[in-house]
Amino acid sequence: MRNTTKLKTLLLKYTLTFDMDDDGRFFLKLTDKATHQTSLIEGESYSKILAKAYSFLLKDLKGGNFEL
């Protein structure tokens, strides 16, 4: 699945905030639009954090208690 498709899917449920530190490490903050709960995902690249976030979304939709 393309990153654009993952991003569009994530935006249906979450508000996303992207950031990067001085070492080039990426951070993605997911804020659930319904419950306002937040989760932070970090990784070495944009693609990796999107993949982790998409996996988080799928597990969240299945009702699993998935912590990052």
Protein backbone atom coordinates (compact mmCIF):
# COMPACT_ATOMS: atom_id res chain seq x y z
CA MET A 1 0.00 0.00 0.00
CA ARG A 2 1.30 3.46 -0.86
CA ASN A 3 2.18 6.00 1.81
CA THR A 4 -0.42 8.42 0.44
CA THR A 5 -3.18 5.86 0.90
CA LYS A 6 -2.03 5.09 4.45
CA LEU A 7 -1.93 8.79 5.25
CA LYS A 8 -5.45 9.40 3.92
CA THR A 9 -6.76 6.42 5.91
CA LEU A 10 -5.07 7.62 9.11
CA LEU A 11 -6.51 11.11 8.67
CA LEU A 12 -10.04 9.70 8.78
CA LYS A 13 -9.60 8.71 12.44
CA TYR A 14 -6.68 10.77 13.75
CA THR A 15 -5.23 14.25 13.72
CA LEU A 16 -1.56 13.85 12.84
CA THR A 17 1.43 15.95 13.88
CA PHE A 18 4.82 15.26 12.26
CA ASP A 19 8.14 16.38 13.72
CA MET A 20 11.85 15.63 13.35
CA ASP A 21 14.70 16.12 15.81
CA ASP A 22 18.24 17.33 15.13
CA ASP A 23 19.44 13.75 14.57
CA GLY A 24 16.93 13.17 11.75
CA ARG A 25 14.62 10.95 13.82
CA PHE A 26 10.94 11.30 12.87
CA PHE A 27 8.05 11.59 15.33
CA LEU A 28 4.35 11.21 14.62
CA LYS A 29 1.74 12.17 17.19
CA LEU A 30 -1.67 10.58 16.64
CA THR A 31 -4.66 12.23 18.31
CA ASP A 32 -7.93 10.30 18.07
CA LYS A 33 -10.66 12.62 16.78
CA ALA A 34 -13.37 10.95 18.87
CA THR A 35 -11.67 10.22 22.20
CA HIS A 36 -8.80 12.76 22.05
CA GLN A 37 -6.33 10.09 23.21
CA THR A 38 -2.80 10.58 21.92
CA SER A 39 -0.06 8.16 20.91
CA LEU A 40 3.49 8.92 19.84
CA ILE A 41 5.30 6.93 17.17
CA GLU A 42 8.97 7.40 16.35
CA GLY A 43 11.23 5.97 13.69
CA GLU A 44 14.12 6.54 11.31
CA SER A 45 12.03 7.50 8.28
CA TYR A 46 8.70 8.86 7.15
CA SER A 47 7.79 5.50 5.59
CA LYS A 48 8.52 3.57 8.78
CA ILE A 49 6.43 5.80 11.03
CA LEU A 50 3.53 5.67 8.58
CA ALA A 51 3.74 1.87 8.50
CA LYS A 52 3.75 1.74 12.33
CA ALA A 53 0.84 4.19 12.52
CA TYR A 54 -1.19 2.20 9.98
CA SER A 55 -0.55 -0.99 11.94
CA PHE A 56 -1.62 0.84 15.10
CA LEU A 57 -4.85 1.92 13.36
CA LEU A 58 -5.70 -1.62 12.25
CA LYS A 59 -5.15 -3.00 15.75
CA ASP A 60 -7.11 -0.13 17.26
CA LEU A 61 -10.05 -0.84 14.94
CA LYS A 62 -9.98 -4.52 15.90
CA GLY A 63 -10.31 -3.48 19.54
CA GLY A 64 -6.87 -4.53 20.67
CA ASN A 65 -5.09 -2.63 23.38
CA PHE A 66 -2.01 -1.75 21.38
CA GLU A 67 0.61 0.46 23.02
CA LEU A 68 3.65 1.92 21.29
